[in-house]
């Protein structure tokens, strides 16, 4: 039986320790990436909750307007169509959702503008309450989008940074899309409540 020299044993021990530390580092990086990915998913779910609330308010708003401005059928139909498209886009990614939601926001702006032409509608308590709820929901949507985009930025930065990118690529972590309004829609929509 051959006996190993102390230097070979020490070298082997150092290599084993280095391998264990490397393995621990990979596990820690992987767990961090999973946590960030889950945060992105959870924040997108919050956007979905607020958008669903918005979609649920719209039919009530349209029905209230119909009572006062039934001859504004084109506007009412456009709002319903935009709402249906936004609901149908629920399974698409952030870019598709943002596009349909932007179209819905534009048609809602036209619907709310009708109140200016119909004083009785503007004075209607139900319409005022629905407008208030819609404005509150719009604020929550804006906050949820901001939180989601922040989570996406943190996640995307993590998977693209060294050394996490060495774990992210082979483990299947892919960059996520931001939830942004199309460039041509920014700043052009004015919804007044």
C-alpha atoms as a PDB file:
ATOM      1  CA  UNK A   1       0.000   0.000   0.000  1.00  0.00           C
ATOM      2  CA  UNK A   2       1.409   3.359  -0.989  1.00  0.00           C
ATOM      3  CA  UNK A   3       1.222   6.199   1.316  1.00  0.00           C
ATOM      4  CA  UNK A   4       0.224   9.668   0.011  1.00  0.00           C
ATOM      5  CA  UNK A   5       2.391  12.544   0.911  1.00  0.00           C
ATOM      6  CA  UNK A   6       0.950  15.253   3.158  1.00  0.00           C
ATOM      7  CA  UNK A   7       1.100  17.785   0.317  1.00  0.00           C
ATOM      8  CA  UNK A   8      -1.018  15.573  -1.965  1.00  0.00           C
ATOM      9  CA  UNK A   9      -3.566  15.055   0.829  1.00  0.00           C
ATOM     10  CA  UNK A  10      -3.683  18.811   1.480  1.00  0.00           C
ATOM     11  CA  UNK A  11      -4.104  19.521  -2.230  1.00  0.00           C
ATOM     12  CA  UNK A  12      -6.922  16.968  -2.453  1.00  0.00           C
ATOM     13  CA  UNK A  13      -8.604  18.490   0.606  1.00  0.00           C
ATOM     14  CA  UNK A  14      -8.350  21.976  -0.893  1.00  0.00           C
ATOM     15  CA  UNK A  15      -9.838  20.766  -4.175  1.00  0.00           C
ATOM     16  CA  UNK A  16     -12.734  19.096  -2.340  1.00  0.00           C
ATOM     17  CA  UNK A  17     -13.342  22.259  -0.308  1.00  0.00           C
ATOM     18  CA  UNK A  18     -13.232  24.366  -3.469  1.00  0.00           C
ATOM     19  CA  UNK A  19     -15.701  22.021  -5.175  1.00  0.00           C
ATOM     20  CA  UNK A  20     -18.088  22.183  -2.215  1.00  0.00           C
ATOM     21  CA  UNK A  21     -17.885  26.005  -2.132  1.00  0.00           C
ATOM     22  CA  UNK A  22     -18.533  26.157  -5.873  1.00  0.00           C
ATOM     23  CA  UNK A  23     -21.547  23.875  -5.515  1.00  0.00           C
ATOM     24  CA  UNK A  24     -22.920  25.993  -2.646  1.00  0.00           C
ATOM     25  CA  UNK A  25     -22.433  29.132  -4.750  1.00  0.00           C
ATOM     26  CA  UNK A  26     -24.335  27.620  -7.682  1.00  0.00           C
ATOM     27  CA  UNK A  27     -27.209  26.587  -5.387  1.00  0.00           C
ATOM     28  CA  UNK A  28     -27.381  30.066  -3.833  1.00  0.00           C
ATOM     29  CA  UNK A  29     -27.398  31.726  -7.286  1.00  0.00           C
ATOM     30  CA  UNK A  30     -30.041  29.337  -8.577  1.00  0.00           C
ATOM     31  CA  UNK A  31     -32.296  29.946  -5.571  1.00  0.00           C
ATOM     32  CA  UNK A  32     -31.921  33.720  -5.992  1.00  0.00           C
ATOM     33  CA  UNK A  33     -32.926  33.476  -9.651  1.00  0.00           C
ATOM     34  CA  UNK A  34     -35.950  31.343  -8.768  1.00  0.00           C
ATOM     35  CA  UNK A  35     -36.998  33.900  -6.136  1.00  0.00           C
ATOM     36  CA  UNK A  36     -36.677  36.763  -8.650  1.00  0.00           C
ATOM     37  CA  UNK A  37     -38.582  34.840 -11.334  1.00  0.00           C
ATOM     38  CA  UNK A  38     -41.379  34.121  -8.876  1.00  0.00           C
ATOM     39  CA  UNK A  39     -41.513  37.791  -7.920  1.00  0.00           C
ATOM     40  CA  UNK A  40     -41.942  38.703 -11.604  1.00  0.00           C
ATOM     41  CA  UNK A  41     -44.764  36.162 -11.933  1.00  0.00           C
ATOM     42  CA  UNK A  42     -46.477  37.375  -8.766  1.00  0.00           C
ATOM     43  CA  UNK A  43     -46.254  41.024  -9.806  1.00  0.00           C
ATOM     44  CA  UNK A  44     -47.717  40.190 -13.230  1.00  0.00           C
ATOM     45  CA  UNK A  45     -50.570  38.437 -11.434  1.00  0.00           C
ATOM     46  CA  UNK A  46     -51.250  41.685  -9.540  1.00  0.00           C
ATOM     47  CA  UNK A  47     -51.539  43.544 -12.848  1.00  0.00           C
ATOM     48  CA  UNK A  48     -53.958  40.854 -13.972  1.00  0.00           C
ATOM     49  CA  UNK A  49     -56.098  41.310 -10.844  1.00  0.00           C
ATOM     50  CA  UNK A  50     -56.369  45.059 -11.394  1.00  0.00           C
ATOM     51  CA  UNK A  51     -57.070  44.687 -15.105  1.00  0.00           C
ATOM     52  CA  UNK A  52     -59.832  42.192 -14.311  1.00  0.00           C
ATOM     53  CA  UNK A  53     -61.336  44.721 -11.891  1.00  0.00           C
ATOM     54  CA  UNK A  54     -61.208  47.334 -14.632  1.00  0.00           C
ATOM     55  CA  UNK A  55     -62.834  44.949 -17.109  1.00  0.00           C
ATOM     56  CA  UNK A  56     -65.595  44.206 -14.595  1.00  0.00           C
ATOM     57  CA  UNK A  57     -66.376  47.917 -14.078  1.00  0.00           C
ATOM     58  CA  UNK A  58     -66.702  48.754 -17.765  1.00  0.00           C
ATOM     59  CA  UNK A  59     -70.045  47.030 -18.524  1.00  0.00           C
ATOM     60  CA  UNK A  60     -71.669  48.883 -15.600  1.00  0.00           C
ATOM     61  CA  UNK A  61     -70.265  52.172 -16.873  1.00  0.00           C
ATOM     62  CA  UNK A  62     -71.525  51.452 -20.401  1.00  0.00           C
ATOM     63  CA  UNK A  63     -74.993  50.542 -19.119  1.00  0.00           C
ATOM     64  CA  UNK A  64     -75.169  53.775 -17.136  1.00  0.00           C
ATOM     65  CA  UNK A  65     -74.173  55.809 -20.186  1.00  0.00           C
ATOM     66  CA  UNK A  66     -76.701  53.951 -22.370  1.00  0.00           C
ATOM     67  CA  UNK A  67     -79.526  55.294 -20.240  1.00  0.00           C
ATOM     68  CA  UNK A  68     -78.548  58.869 -21.030  1.00  0.00           C
ATOM     69  CA  UNK A  69     -76.820  58.662 -24.387  1.00  0.00           C
ATOM     70  CA  UNK A  70     -78.284  55.652 -26.192  1.00  0.00           C
ATOM     71  CA  UNK A  71     -77.714  57.269 -29.582  1.00  0.00           C
ATOM     72  CA  UNK A  72     -73.940  57.227 -28.945  1.00  0.00           C
ATOM     73  CA  UNK A  73     -73.964  53.587 -30.040  1.00  0.00           C
ATOM     74  CA  UNK A  74     -70.662  53.824 -31.943  1.00  0.00           C
ATOM     75  CA  UNK A  75     -68.750  54.891 -28.853  1.00  0.00           C
ATOM     76  CA  UNK A  76     -70.487  52.326 -26.649  1.00  0.00           C
ATOM     77  CA  UNK A  77     -69.787  49.527 -29.135  1.00  0.00           C
ATOM     78  CA  UNK A  78     -66.139  50.595 -29.417  1.00  0.00           C
ATOM     79  CA  UNK A  79     -65.735  50.400 -25.630  1.00  0.00           C
ATOM     80  CA  UNK A  80     -67.330  46.952 -25.461  1.00  0.00           C
ATOM     81  CA  UNK A  81     -65.178  45.700 -28.364  1.00  0.00           C
ATOM     82  CA  UNK A  82     -62.010  47.076 -26.786  1.00  0.00           C
ATOM     83  CA  UNK A  83     -62.948  45.509 -23.448  1.00  0.00           C
ATOM     84  CA  UNK A  84     -63.601  42.130 -25.089  1.00  0.00           C
ATOM     85  CA  UNK A  85     -60.246  42.316 -26.888  1.00  0.00           C
ATOM     86  CA  UNK A  86     -58.490  43.159 -23.613  1.00  0.00           C
ATOM     87  CA  UNK A  87     -60.173  40.245 -21.825  1.00  0.00           C
ATOM     88  CA  UNK A  88     -59.223  37.902 -24.696  1.00  0.00           C
ATOM     89  CA  UNK A  89     -55.609  39.104 -24.505  1.00  0.00           C
ATOM     90  CA  UNK A  90     -55.413  37.737 -20.960  1.00  0.00           C
ATOM     91  CA  UNK A  91     -53.300  34.787 -22.084  1.00  0.00           C
ATOM     92  CA  UNK A  92     -50.821  36.799 -24.113  1.00  0.00           C
ATOM     93  CA  UNK A  93     -47.562  38.231 -22.828  1.00  0.00           C
ATOM     94  CA  UNK A  94     -47.009  41.705 -21.442  1.00  0.00           C
ATOM     95  CA  UNK A  95     -46.535  43.325 -24.859  1.00  0.00           C
ATOM     96  CA  UNK A  96     -49.852  42.020 -26.201  1.00  0.00           C
ATOM     97  CA  UNK A  97     -51.667  42.921 -22.993  1.00  0.00           C
ATOM     98  CA  UNK A  98     -50.227  46.433 -22.999  1.00  0.00           C
ATOM     99  CA  UNK A  99     -51.368  47.013 -26.572  1.00  0.00           C
ATOM    100  CA  UNK A 100     -54.961  45.923 -25.976  1.00  0.00           C
ATOM    101  CA  UNK A 101     -55.161  47.758 -22.654  1.00  0.00           C
ATOM    102  CA  UNK A 102     -53.921  50.941 -24.321  1.00  0.00           C
ATOM    103  CA  UNK A 103     -56.691  50.645 -26.927  1.00  0.00           C
ATOM    104  CA  UNK A 104     -59.203  50.147 -24.113  1.00  0.00           C
ATOM    105  CA  UNK A 105     -57.909  53.233 -22.304  1.00  0.00           C
ATOM    106  CA  UNK A 106     -58.386  55.313 -25.440  1.00  0.00           C
ATOM    107  CA  UNK A 107     -61.979  54.177 -25.951  1.00  0.00           C
ATOM    108  CA  UNK A 108     -62.731  54.690 -22.252  1.00  0.00           C
ATOM    109  CA  UNK A 109     -61.496  58.246 -22.648  1.00  0.00           C
ATOM    110  CA  UNK A 110     -64.087  58.806 -25.363  1.00  0.00           C
ATOM    111  CA  UNK A 111     -66.804  57.259 -23.202  1.00  0.00           C
ATOM    112  CA  UNK A 112     -65.999  59.412 -20.198  1.00  0.00           C
ATOM    113  CA  UNK A 113     -65.860  62.473 -22.455  1.00  0.00           C
ATOM    114  CA  UNK A 114     -69.537  61.878 -23.252  1.00  0.00           C
ATOM    115  CA  UNK A 115     -70.353  63.004 -19.721  1.00  0.00           C
ATOM    116  CA  UNK A 116     -69.365  66.531 -20.704  1.00  0.00           C
ATOM    117  CA  UNK A 117     -72.046  66.539 -23.410  1.00  0.00           C
ATOM    118  CA  UNK A 118     -74.747  65.131 -21.139  1.00  0.00           C
ATOM    119  CA  UNK A 119     -75.200  67.118 -17.904  1.00  0.00           C
ATOM    120  CA  UNK A 120     -77.758  64.628 -16.532  1.00  0.00           C
ATOM    121  CA  UNK A 121     -75.239  61.821 -16.993  1.00  0.00           C
ATOM    122  CA  UNK A 122     -72.522  63.873 -15.349  1.00  0.00           C
ATOM    123  CA  UNK A 123     -74.803  64.445 -12.347  1.00  0.00           C
ATOM    124  CA  UNK A 124     -75.808  60.771 -12.089  1.00  0.00           C
ATOM    125  CA  UNK A 125     -74.621  59.347  -8.769  1.00  0.00           C
ATOM    126  CA  UNK A 126     -74.011  55.862 -10.184  1.00  0.00           C
ATOM    127  CA  UNK A 127     -71.922  57.271 -13.047  1.00  0.00           C
ATOM    128  CA  UNK A 128     -69.888  59.400 -10.626  1.00  0.00           C
ATOM    129  CA  UNK A 129     -69.275  56.380  -8.384  1.00  0.00           C
ATOM    130  CA  UNK A 130     -68.214  54.217 -11.334  1.00  0.00           C
ATOM    131  CA  UNK A 131     -65.896  56.980 -12.579  1.00  0.00           C
ATOM    132  CA  UNK A 132     -64.333  57.193  -9.135  1.00  0.00           C
ATOM    133  CA  UNK A 133     -63.856  53.422  -8.933  1.00  0.00           C
ATOM    134  CA  UNK A 134     -62.378  53.384 -12.427  1.00  0.00           C
ATOM    135  CA  UNK A 135     -59.954  56.192 -11.568  1.00  0.00           C
ATOM    136  CA  UNK A 136     -58.924  54.337  -8.413  1.00  0.00           C
ATOM    137  CA  UNK A 137     -58.416  51.152 -10.426  1.00  0.00           C
ATOM    138  CA  UNK A 138     -56.343  53.024 -13.018  1.00  0.00           C
ATOM    139  CA  UNK A 139     -54.056  54.216 -10.226  1.00  0.00           C
ATOM    140  CA  UNK A 140     -53.700  50.653  -8.946  1.00  0.00           C
ATOM    141  CA  UNK A 141     -52.930  49.416 -12.459  1.00  0.00           C
ATOM    142  CA  UNK A 142     -50.230  52.058 -12.846  1.00  0.00           C
ATOM    143  CA  UNK A 143     -48.672  51.037  -9.534  1.00  0.00           C
ATOM    144  CA  UNK A 144     -48.869  47.318 -10.392  1.00  0.00           C
ATOM    145  CA  UNK A 145     -47.219  47.966 -13.785  1.00  0.00           C
ATOM    146  CA  UNK A 146     -44.469  49.956 -12.112  1.00  0.00           C
ATOM    147  CA  UNK A 147     -43.862  47.184  -9.575  1.00  0.00           C
ATOM    148  CA  UNK A 148     -43.868  44.533 -12.320  1.00  0.00           C
ATOM    149  CA  UNK A 149     -41.426  46.468 -14.495  1.00  0.00           C
ATOM    150  CA  UNK A 150     -39.140  46.954 -11.502  1.00  0.00           C
ATOM    151  CA  UNK A 151     -39.240  43.210 -10.782  1.00  0.00           C
ATOM    152  CA  UNK A 152     -38.510  42.444 -14.451  1.00  0.00           C
ATOM    153  CA  UNK A 153     -35.571  44.851 -14.442  1.00  0.00           C
ATOM    154  CA  UNK A 154     -34.095  43.224 -11.325  1.00  0.00           C
ATOM    155  CA  UNK A 155     -34.642  39.734 -12.727  1.00  0.00           C
ATOM    156  CA  UNK A 156     -33.242  40.538 -16.194  1.00  0.00           C
ATOM    157  CA  UNK A 157     -30.204  42.221 -14.657  1.00  0.00           C
ATOM    158  CA  UNK A 158     -29.603  39.207 -12.434  1.00  0.00           C
ATOM    159  CA  UNK A 159     -29.727  36.659 -15.248  1.00  0.00           C
ATOM    160  CA  UNK A 160     -27.430  38.764 -17.417  1.00  0.00           C
ATOM    161  CA  UNK A 161     -24.816  39.485 -14.745  1.00  0.00           C
ATOM    162  CA  UNK A 162     -21.720  37.438 -14.026  1.00  0.00           C
ATOM    163  CA  UNK A 163     -21.628  34.887 -12.375  1.00  0.00           C
ATOM    164  CA  UNK A 164     -25.409  34.343 -12.327  1.00  0.00           C
ATOM    165  CA  UNK A 165     -25.547  34.198 -16.115  1.00  0.00           C
ATOM    166  CA  UNK A 166     -23.413  31.060 -15.958  1.00  0.00           C
ATOM    167  CA  UNK A 167     -26.217  29.395 -13.986  1.00  0.00           C
ATOM    168  CA  UNK A 168     -29.189  31.174 -15.639  1.00  0.00           C
ATOM    169  CA  UNK A 169     -28.536  30.098 -19.221  1.00  0.00           C
ATOM    170  CA  UNK A 170     -28.163  26.356 -18.642  1.00  0.00           C
ATOM    171  CA  UNK A 171     -31.005  26.367 -16.072  1.00  0.00           C
ATOM    172  CA  UNK A 172     -33.467  27.895 -18.576  1.00  0.00           C
ATOM    173  CA  UNK A 173     -33.931  31.366 -17.106  1.00  0.00           C
ATOM    174  CA  UNK A 174     -34.938  33.722 -19.933  1.00  0.00           C
ATOM    175  CA  UNK A 175     -35.363  37.495 -20.006  1.00  0.00           C
ATOM    176  CA  UNK A 176     -38.892  38.794 -19.452  1.00  0.00           C
ATOM    177  CA  UNK A 177     -40.735  41.559 -21.316  1.00  0.00           C
ATOM    178  CA  UNK A 178     -41.620  44.866 -19.720  1.00  0.00           C
ATOM    179  CA  UNK A 179     -45.273  45.919 -19.572  1.00  0.00           C
ATOM    180  CA  UNK A 180     -45.122  49.138 -21.580  1.00  0.00           C
ATOM    181  CA  UNK A 181     -47.639  51.163 -23.520  1.00  0.00           C
ATOM    182  CA  UNK A 182     -46.861  51.525 -27.233  1.00  0.00           C
ATOM    183  CA  UNK A 183     -44.773  54.594 -28.079  1.00  0.00           C
ATOM    184  CA  UNK A 184     -47.527  56.165 -30.147  1.00  0.00           C
ATOM    185  CA  UNK A 185     -49.956  55.989 -27.230  1.00  0.00           C
ATOM    186  CA  UNK A 186     -47.845  57.609 -24.535  1.00  0.00           C
ATOM    187  CA  UNK A 187     -49.000  60.963 -23.402  1.00  0.00           C
ATOM    188  CA  UNK A 188     -51.819  61.182 -25.935  1.00  0.00           C
ATOM    189  CA  UNK A 189     -54.623  59.725 -23.851  1.00  0.00           C
ATOM    190  CA  UNK A 190     -56.398  62.039 -21.484  1.00  0.00           C
ATOM    191  CA  UNK A 191     -59.061  60.506 -19.312  1.00  0.00           C
ATOM    192  CA  UNK A 192     -60.759  63.095 -17.147  1.00  0.00           C
ATOM    193  CA  UNK A 193     -62.716  62.157 -14.069  1.00  0.00           C
END
